Amino acid sequence: MRRMTKAAIKGRLCVGIWALVGWLMIGLPAHACSLALLLAQDVSSSVDAGEHSFQSRGLASALTDPDVVAAILMGGGIWISAFEWSGRTNQIVHVDWTYLDSPAVIGRVAKTIAAAPRGHADYPTSLGYALGFAAVHMRKVPQRCARQVVDVAGDGINNEGFPPEAAYRAFDFTDITVNGLVIKGSDPDPEAFYREEVAKGAGSFVEVAYGYQDYAEAMKRKLIREISGASLAMR
């Protein structure tokens, strides 16, 4: 049997090492995921056309705010999806799961949200059904993340279908945090409802917008708090 030279042995060893590295990397994600964030926008009948515009443009503005963009990129990026909700079966996904890892991608998602046509305008507030939809949709995120957060905004309490507590019993919210953004101005005031019945999970909180004109600033505060919390969780 011919004896191998040292150079040949070294060459085969290098090939073997790189083959092993390549095998180990198959199927691994290209990036770690700090946060999967699902944005849920209220389009029930209590929200008129002007208020809906404030919501859509306000969310787009908050996403592209330099402080929010910096928070997203600091952690390497996040998964995001957005849907509108109102009645029992009236949930429409406007942005399916997208990984935000550059200002360009963030800008495209923000434009999609700002321009998305309103699917429904004459249905009641079925928040329990919206949460059930959110729990199912959250499980469709392409990558397991350190944190899963549902960011639900609304201006009223549940007035059709099962309540949030029933959704939390019926659907799998394991490791999912639900935060609320309350838009003040309706009667009854929804803030206590969101704090007592909607917010759920580790570190959950409720942000307050004092009317629709305050929506963009309130959403900015909320996003920074949610995203920064995810970055800390990855350290």
C-alpha atoms as a PDB file:
ATOM      1  CA  MET A   1       0.000   0.000   0.000  1.00  0.00           C
ATOM      2  CA  ARG A   2       1.330   3.394  -0.998  1.00  0.00           C
ATOM      3  CA  ARG A   3       2.172   5.585   1.976  1.00  0.00           C
ATOM      4  CA  MET A   4       0.543   9.021   1.981  1.00  0.00           C
ATOM      5  CA  THR A   5       2.736  12.083   2.241  1.00  0.00           C
ATOM      6  CA  LYS A   6       2.281  14.547   5.062  1.00  0.00           C
ATOM      7  CA  ALA A   7       0.900  17.099   2.589  1.00  0.00           C
ATOM      8  CA  ALA A   8      -1.723  14.631   1.342  1.00  0.00           C
ATOM      9  CA  ILE A   9      -2.755  13.738   4.884  1.00  0.00           C
ATOM     10  CA  LYS A  10      -3.052  17.428   5.758  1.00  0.00           C
ATOM     11  CA  GLY A  11      -5.100  18.110   2.622  1.00  0.00           C
ATOM     12  CA  ARG A  12      -7.541  15.291   3.325  1.00  0.00           C
ATOM     13  CA  LEU A  13      -7.834  16.406   6.937  1.00  0.00           C
ATOM     14  CA  CYS A  14      -8.754  19.966   5.865  1.00  0.00           C
ATOM     15  CA  VAL A  15     -11.356  18.666   3.423  1.00  0.00           C
ATOM     16  CA  GLY A  16     -12.836  16.502   6.148  1.00  0.00           C
ATOM     17  CA  ILE A  17     -13.037  19.376   8.622  1.00  0.00           C
ATOM     18  CA  TRP A  18     -14.781  21.687   6.154  1.00  0.00           C
ATOM     19  CA  ALA A  19     -17.187  18.910   5.183  1.00  0.00           C
ATOM     20  CA  LEU A  20     -18.050  18.413   8.856  1.00  0.00           C
ATOM     21  CA  VAL A  21     -18.575  22.161   9.345  1.00  0.00           C
ATOM     22  CA  GLY A  22     -20.807  22.293   6.285  1.00  0.00           C
ATOM     23  CA  TRP A  23     -22.842  19.317   7.510  1.00  0.00           C
ATOM     24  CA  LEU A  24     -23.323  20.881  10.921  1.00  0.00           C
ATOM     25  CA  MET A  25     -24.516  24.150   9.369  1.00  0.00           C
ATOM     26  CA  ILE A  26     -27.203  22.549   7.204  1.00  0.00           C
ATOM     27  CA  GLY A  27     -30.606  23.638   8.411  1.00  0.00           C
ATOM     28  CA  LEU A  28     -29.308  26.247  10.841  1.00  0.00           C
ATOM     29  CA  PRO A  29     -30.887  29.715  10.535  1.00  0.00           C
ATOM     30  CA  ALA A  30     -28.777  32.492   9.062  1.00  0.00           C
ATOM     31  CA  HIS A  31     -29.555  34.687  12.066  1.00  0.00           C
ATOM     32  CA  ALA A  32     -30.623  34.298  15.665  1.00  0.00           C
ATOM     33  CA  CYS A  33     -34.132  35.528  16.354  1.00  0.00           C
ATOM     34  CA  SER A  34     -34.715  37.814  19.321  1.00  0.00           C
ATOM     35  CA  LEU A  35     -38.395  38.626  18.710  1.00  0.00           C
ATOM     36  CA  ALA A  36     -41.451  37.594  16.734  1.00  0.00           C
ATOM     37  CA  LEU A  37     -43.831  40.578  16.856  1.00  0.00           C
ATOM     38  CA  LEU A  38     -47.441  40.311  15.684  1.00  0.00           C
ATOM     39  CA  LEU A  39     -49.259  43.637  15.238  1.00  0.00           C
ATOM     40  CA  ALA A  40     -53.064  43.543  15.551  1.00  0.00           C
ATOM     41  CA  GLN A  41     -54.994  46.623  14.378  1.00  0.00           C
ATOM     42  CA  ASP A  42     -58.608  47.341  15.413  1.00  0.00           C
ATOM     43  CA  VAL A  43     -60.870  48.164  12.432  1.00  0.00           C
ATOM     44  CA  SER A  44     -64.214  47.600  14.160  1.00  0.00           C
ATOM     45  CA  SER A  45     -67.201  49.876  13.550  1.00  0.00           C
ATOM     46  CA  SER A  46     -66.133  52.236  16.358  1.00  0.00           C
ATOM     47  CA  VAL A  47     -63.143  53.253  14.204  1.00  0.00           C
ATOM     48  CA  ASP A  48     -64.104  55.735  11.471  1.00  0.00           C
ATOM     49  CA  ALA A  49     -62.179  56.297   8.236  1.00  0.00           C
ATOM     50  CA  GLY A  50     -60.110  59.161   9.613  1.00  0.00           C
ATOM     51  CA  GLU A  51     -59.181  57.217  12.744  1.00  0.00           C
ATOM     52  CA  HIS A  52     -58.221  54.212  10.651  1.00  0.00           C
ATOM     53  CA  SER A  53     -55.909  56.448   8.626  1.00  0.00           C
ATOM     54  CA  PHE A  54     -54.309  57.733  11.832  1.00  0.00           C
ATOM     55  CA  GLN A  55     -53.703  54.123  12.888  1.00  0.00           C
ATOM     56  CA  SER A  56     -52.212  52.915   9.614  1.00  0.00           C
ATOM     57  CA  ARG A  57     -50.038  55.957   9.005  1.00  0.00           C
ATOM     58  CA  GLY A  58     -49.135  56.137  12.690  1.00  0.00           C
ATOM     59  CA  LEU A  59     -47.940  52.531  12.769  1.00  0.00           C
ATOM     60  CA  ALA A  60     -45.930  53.048   9.584  1.00  0.00           C
ATOM     61  CA  SER A  61     -44.416  56.221  11.029  1.00  0.00           C
ATOM     62  CA  ALA A  62     -43.514  54.470  14.298  1.00  0.00           C
ATOM     63  CA  LEU A  63     -41.848  51.552  12.479  1.00  0.00           C
ATOM     64  CA  THR A  64     -39.634  53.879  10.450  1.00  0.00           C
ATOM     65  CA  ASP A  65     -38.758  56.194  13.321  1.00  0.00           C
ATOM     66  CA  PRO A  66     -34.936  56.270  13.646  1.00  0.00           C
ATOM     67  CA  ASP A  67     -35.060  55.143  17.278  1.00  0.00           C
ATOM     68  CA  VAL A  68     -37.263  52.155  16.413  1.00  0.00           C
ATOM     69  CA  VAL A  69     -35.112  51.221  13.404  1.00  0.00           C
ATOM     70  CA  ALA A  70     -31.998  51.396  15.597  1.00  0.00           C
ATOM     71  CA  ALA A  71     -33.633  49.156  18.202  1.00  0.00           C
ATOM     72  CA  ILE A  72     -34.571  46.596  15.539  1.00  0.00           C
ATOM     73  CA  LEU A  73     -31.126  46.509  13.977  1.00  0.00           C
ATOM     74  CA  MET A  74     -29.263  46.514  17.295  1.00  0.00           C
ATOM     75  CA  GLY A  75     -30.494  42.990  17.972  1.00  0.00           C
ATOM     76  CA  GLY A  76     -29.808  41.808  14.414  1.00  0.00           C
ATOM     77  CA  GLY A  77     -33.419  42.055  13.277  1.00  0.00           C
ATOM     78  CA  ILE A  78     -36.882  40.745  14.201  1.00  0.00           C
ATOM     79  CA  TRP A  79     -39.742  38.816  12.598  1.00  0.00           C
ATOM     80  CA  ILE A  80     -42.902  40.865  12.122  1.00  0.00           C
ATOM     81  CA  SER A  81     -46.442  40.331  10.846  1.00  0.00           C
ATOM     82  CA  ALA A  82     -49.530  42.555  10.893  1.00  0.00           C
ATOM     83  CA  PHE A  83     -53.267  41.932  10.643  1.00  0.00           C
ATOM     84  CA  GLU A  84     -56.536  43.836  11.055  1.00  0.00           C
ATOM     85  CA  TRP A  85     -59.373  42.553  13.222  1.00  0.00           C
ATOM     86  CA  SER A  86     -62.990  43.396  14.017  1.00  0.00           C
ATOM     87  CA  GLY A  87     -65.823  40.816  14.038  1.00  0.00           C
ATOM     88  CA  ARG A  88     -65.680  37.126  14.885  1.00  0.00           C
ATOM     89  CA  THR A  89     -64.343  35.975  11.517  1.00  0.00           C
ATOM     90  CA  ASN A  90     -63.012  39.284  10.252  1.00  0.00           C
ATOM     91  CA  GLN A  91     -59.247  39.035  10.489  1.00  0.00           C
ATOM     92  CA  ILE A  92     -57.085  39.911   7.478  1.00  0.00           C
ATOM     93  CA  VAL A  93     -53.294  39.569   7.339  1.00  0.00           C
ATOM     94  CA  HIS A  94     -51.782  42.603   5.595  1.00  0.00           C
ATOM     95  CA  VAL A  95     -48.129  41.702   6.220  1.00  0.00           C
ATOM     96  CA  ASP A  96     -47.224  38.035   6.524  1.00  0.00           C
ATOM     97  CA  TRP A  97     -44.137  37.037   8.492  1.00  0.00           C
ATOM     98  CA  THR A  98     -41.202  39.124   7.285  1.00  0.00           C
ATOM     99  CA  TYR A  99     -37.708  39.405   8.756  1.00  0.00           C
ATOM    100  CA  LEU A 100     -36.736  43.026   9.365  1.00  0.00           C
ATOM    101  CA  ASP A 101     -32.962  43.265   9.101  1.00  0.00           C
ATOM    102  CA  SER A 102     -32.361  46.473   7.148  1.00  0.00           C
ATOM    103  CA  PRO A 103     -33.841  49.966   6.810  1.00  0.00           C
ATOM    104  CA  ALA A 104     -34.974  49.049   3.287  1.00  0.00           C
ATOM    105  CA  VAL A 105     -37.032  46.056   4.446  1.00  0.00           C
ATOM    106  CA  ILE A 106     -38.475  48.044   7.356  1.00  0.00           C
ATOM    107  CA  GLY A 107     -39.456  50.802   4.921  1.00  0.00           C
ATOM    108  CA  ARG A 108     -41.188  48.368   2.549  1.00  0.00           C
ATOM    109  CA  VAL A 109     -43.213  46.826   5.371  1.00  0.00           C
ATOM    110  CA  ALA A 110     -44.194  50.278   6.668  1.00  0.00           C
ATOM    111  CA  LYS A 111     -45.391  51.309   3.190  1.00  0.00           C
ATOM    112  CA  THR A 112     -47.454  48.143   2.902  1.00  0.00           C
ATOM    113  CA  ILE A 113     -49.131  48.832   6.257  1.00  0.00           C
ATOM    114  CA  ALA A 114     -49.817  52.482   5.406  1.00  0.00           C
ATOM    115  CA  ALA A 115     -51.337  51.583   2.040  1.00  0.00           C
ATOM    116  CA  ALA A 116     -53.262  48.437   3.041  1.00  0.00           C
ATOM    117  CA  PRO A 117     -56.969  48.743   2.177  1.00  0.00           C
ATOM    118  CA  ARG A 118     -59.359  48.359   5.073  1.00  0.00           C
ATOM    119  CA  GLY A 119     -61.106  45.022   4.715  1.00  0.00           C
ATOM    120  CA  HIS A 120     -64.049  45.681   7.039  1.00  0.00           C
ATOM    121  CA  ALA A 121     -65.678  48.714   8.615  1.00  0.00           C
ATOM    122  CA  ASP A 122     -69.067  47.626   9.972  1.00  0.00           C
ATOM    123  CA  TYR A 123     -68.380  44.812  12.435  1.00  0.00           C
ATOM    124  CA  PRO A 124     -68.258  44.874  16.255  1.00  0.00           C
ATOM    125  CA  THR A 125     -65.245  44.400  18.533  1.00  0.00           C
ATOM    126  CA  SER A 126     -64.469  40.692  18.850  1.00  0.00           C
ATOM    127  CA  LEU A 127     -61.230  40.885  20.755  1.00  0.00           C
ATOM    128  CA  GLY A 128     -61.384  37.291  21.985  1.00  0.00           C
ATOM    129  CA  TYR A 129     -61.562  36.031  18.411  1.00  0.00           C
ATOM    130  CA  ALA A 130     -58.699  38.358  17.417  1.00  0.00           C
ATOM    131  CA  LEU A 131     -56.543  36.888  20.172  1.00  0.00           C
ATOM    132  CA  GLY A 132     -57.407  33.351  19.084  1.00  0.00           C
ATOM    133  CA  PHE A 133     -56.396  34.218  15.530  1.00  0.00           C
ATOM    134  CA  ALA A 134     -53.165  35.756  16.849  1.00  0.00           C
ATOM    135  CA  ALA A 135     -52.249  32.619  18.801  1.00  0.00           C
ATOM    136  CA  VAL A 136     -52.641  30.440  15.693  1.00  0.00           C
ATOM    137  CA  HIS A 137     -50.819  32.887  13.413  1.00  0.00           C
ATOM    138  CA  MET A 138     -47.938  33.257  15.876  1.00  0.00           C
ATOM    139  CA  ARG A 139     -47.179  29.540  15.488  1.00  0.00           C
ATOM    140  CA  LYS A 140     -46.574  30.132  11.765  1.00  0.00           C
ATOM    141  CA  VAL A 141     -43.475  32.280  12.276  1.00  0.00           C
ATOM    142  CA  PRO A 142     -40.680  30.592  10.286  1.00  0.00           C
ATOM    143  CA  GLN A 143     -38.183  30.584  13.145  1.00  0.00           C
ATOM    144  CA  ARG A 144     -38.297  30.002  16.867  1.00  0.00           C
ATOM    145  CA  CYS A 145     -37.572  33.298  18.640  1.00  0.00           C
ATOM    146  CA  ALA A 146     -36.443  34.203  22.139  1.00  0.00           C
ATOM    147  CA  ARG A 147     -39.700  36.128  22.633  1.00  0.00           C
ATOM    148  CA  GLN A 148     -43.141  35.999  20.995  1.00  0.00           C
ATOM    149  CA  VAL A 149     -45.227  39.170  21.428  1.00  0.00           C
ATOM    150  CA  VAL A 150     -48.726  40.066  20.264  1.00  0.00           C
ATOM    151  CA  ASP A 151     -49.149  43.843  20.054  1.00  0.00           C
ATOM    152  CA  VAL A 152     -52.911  44.491  20.037  1.00  0.00           C
ATOM    153  CA  ALA A 153     -54.309  48.013  19.642  1.00  0.00           C
ATOM    154  CA  GLY A 154     -57.913  49.091  20.082  1.00  0.00           C
ATOM    155  CA  ASP A 155     -60.314  51.782  21.245  1.00  0.00           C
ATOM    156  CA  GLY A 156     -63.033  49.688  22.880  1.00  0.00           C
ATOM    157  CA  ILE A 157     -63.905  46.666  24.975  1.00  0.00           C
ATOM    158  CA  ASN A 158     -65.002  43.265  23.686  1.00  0.00           C
ATOM    159  CA  ASN A 159     -68.678  43.420  22.633  1.00  0.00           C
ATOM    160  CA  GLU A 160     -69.159  40.293  20.507  1.00  0.00           C
ATOM    161  CA  GLY A 161     -68.184  36.664  20.898  1.00  0.00           C
ATOM    162  CA  PHE A 162     -66.088  35.135  23.655  1.00  0.00           C
ATOM    163  CA  PRO A 163     -63.920  37.411  25.840  1.00  0.00           C
ATOM    164  CA  PRO A 164     -60.105  37.427  26.063  1.00  0.00           C
ATOM    165  CA  GLU A 165     -60.076  35.119  29.098  1.00  0.00           C
ATOM    166  CA  ALA A 166     -61.863  32.442  27.052  1.00  0.00           C
ATOM    167  CA  ALA A 167     -59.330  32.842  24.248  1.00  0.00           C
ATOM    168  CA  TYR A 168     -56.497  32.380  26.738  1.00  0.00           C
ATOM    169  CA  ARG A 169     -58.101  29.137  27.930  1.00  0.00           C
ATOM    170  CA  ALA A 170     -58.915  27.762  24.474  1.00  0.00           C
ATOM    171  CA  PHE A 171     -55.749  28.631  22.529  1.00  0.00           C
ATOM    172  CA  ASP A 172     -52.070  27.910  23.112  1.00  0.00           C
ATOM    173  CA  PHE A 173     -50.429  31.052  24.472  1.00  0.00           C
ATOM    174  CA  THR A 174     -47.414  29.237  25.880  1.00  0.00           C
ATOM    175  CA  ASP A 175     -44.449  31.657  25.883  1.00  0.00           C
ATOM    176  CA  ILE A 176     -46.540  34.354  24.169  1.00  0.00           C
ATOM    177  CA  THR A 177     -46.784  37.813  25.720  1.00  0.00           C
ATOM    178  CA  VAL A 178     -49.760  40.026  24.859  1.00  0.00           C
ATOM    179  CA  ASN A 179     -49.338  43.794  25.182  1.00  0.00           C
ATOM    180  CA  GLY A 180     -52.027  46.389  24.616  1.00  0.00           C
ATOM    181  CA  LEU A 181     -52.212  49.850  23.133  1.00  0.00           C
ATOM    182  CA  VAL A 182     -55.361  51.613  24.330  1.00  0.00           C
ATOM    183  CA  ILE A 183     -56.735  54.529  22.341  1.00  0.00           C
ATOM    184  CA  LYS A 184     -58.617  56.704  24.812  1.00  0.00           C
ATOM    185  CA  GLY A 185     -61.858  58.490  24.008  1.00  0.00           C
ATOM    186  CA  SER A 186     -64.554  55.812  23.930  1.00  0.00           C
ATOM    187  CA  ASP A 187     -67.218  55.186  26.553  1.00  0.00           C
ATOM    188  CA  PRO A 188     -66.707  52.953  28.453  1.00  0.00           C
ATOM    189  CA  ASP A 189     -63.016  53.755  28.742  1.00  0.00           C
ATOM    190  CA  PRO A 190     -61.156  50.609  27.579  1.00  0.00           C
ATOM    191  CA  GLU A 191     -57.977  51.150  29.606  1.00  0.00           C
ATOM    192  CA  ALA A 192     -59.009  49.102  32.648  1.00  0.00           C
ATOM    193  CA  PHE A 193     -60.317  46.341  30.367  1.00  0.00           C
ATOM    194  CA  TYR A 194     -56.980  46.102  28.553  1.00  0.00           C
ATOM    195  CA  ARG A 195     -54.993  46.125  31.785  1.00  0.00           C
ATOM    196  CA  GLU A 196     -57.160  43.528  33.536  1.00  0.00           C
ATOM    197  CA  GLU A 197     -58.246  41.227  30.684  1.00  0.00           C
ATOM    198  CA  VAL A 198     -55.990  41.696  27.656  1.00  0.00           C
ATOM    199  CA  ALA A 199     -52.385  42.088  28.864  1.00  0.00           C
ATOM    200  CA  LYS A 200     -50.938  38.650  29.528  1.00  0.00           C
ATOM    201  CA  GLY A 201     -47.611  36.899  29.932  1.00  0.00           C
ATOM    202  CA  ALA A 202     -44.123  37.710  31.131  1.00  0.00           C
ATOM    203  CA  GLY A 203     -43.403  41.435  31.131  1.00  0.00           C
ATOM    204  CA  SER A 204     -46.757  42.357  29.576  1.00  0.00           C
ATOM    205  CA  PHE A 205     -47.856  45.999  29.672  1.00  0.00           C
ATOM    206  CA  VAL A 206     -50.397  48.476  28.298  1.00  0.00           C
ATOM    207  CA  GLU A 207     -49.441  51.692  26.488  1.00  0.00           C
ATOM    208  CA  VAL A 208     -51.941  54.562  26.243  1.00  0.00           C
ATOM    209  CA  ALA A 209     -52.664  56.871  23.304  1.00  0.00           C
ATOM    210  CA  TYR A 210     -54.675  59.928  24.309  1.00  0.00           C
ATOM    211  CA  GLY A 211     -56.717  59.981  21.120  1.00  0.00           C
ATOM    212  CA  TYR A 212     -55.838  58.891  17.588  1.00  0.00           C
ATOM    213  CA  GLN A 213     -53.603  61.884  16.988  1.00  0.00           C
ATOM    214  CA  ASP A 214     -51.338  60.511  19.743  1.00  0.00           C
ATOM    215  CA  TYR A 215     -51.293  57.033  18.179  1.00  0.00           C
ATOM    216  CA  ALA A 216     -47.930  57.302  16.373  1.00  0.00           C
ATOM    217  CA  GLU A 217     -46.051  58.490  19.470  1.00  0.00           C
ATOM    218  CA  ALA A 218     -47.705  55.876  21.687  1.00  0.00           C
ATOM    219  CA  MET A 219     -46.879  53.125  19.189  1.00  0.00           C
ATOM    220  CA  LYS A 220     -43.271  54.313  18.989  1.00  0.00           C
ATOM    221  CA  ARG A 221     -42.936  54.072  22.787  1.00  0.00           C
ATOM    222  CA  LYS A 222     -44.527  50.644  22.731  1.00  0.00           C
ATOM    223  CA  LEU A 223     -42.339  49.267  19.938  1.00  0.00           C
ATOM    224  CA  ILE A 224     -39.123  50.482  21.543  1.00  0.00           C
ATOM    225  CA  ARG A 225     -40.104  48.895  24.845  1.00  0.00           C
ATOM    226  CA  GLU A 226     -41.013  45.582  23.172  1.00  0.00           C
ATOM    227  CA  ILE A 227     -37.978  45.444  20.889  1.00  0.00           C
ATOM    228  CA  SER A 228     -35.473  46.550  23.524  1.00  0.00           C
ATOM    229  CA  GLY A 229     -36.806  43.903  25.885  1.00  0.00           C
ATOM    230  CA  ALA A 230     -36.178  41.282  23.215  1.00  0.00           C
ATOM    231  CA  SER A 231     -32.604  42.496  22.716  1.00  0.00           C
ATOM    232  CA  LEU A 232     -31.925  42.165  26.434  1.00  0.00           C
ATOM    233  CA  ALA A 233     -33.358  38.631  26.381  1.00  0.00           C
ATOM    234  CA  MET A 234     -30.713  37.598  23.819  1.00  0.00           C
ATOM    235  CA  ARG A 235     -27.758  38.703  25.943  1.00  0.00           C
END
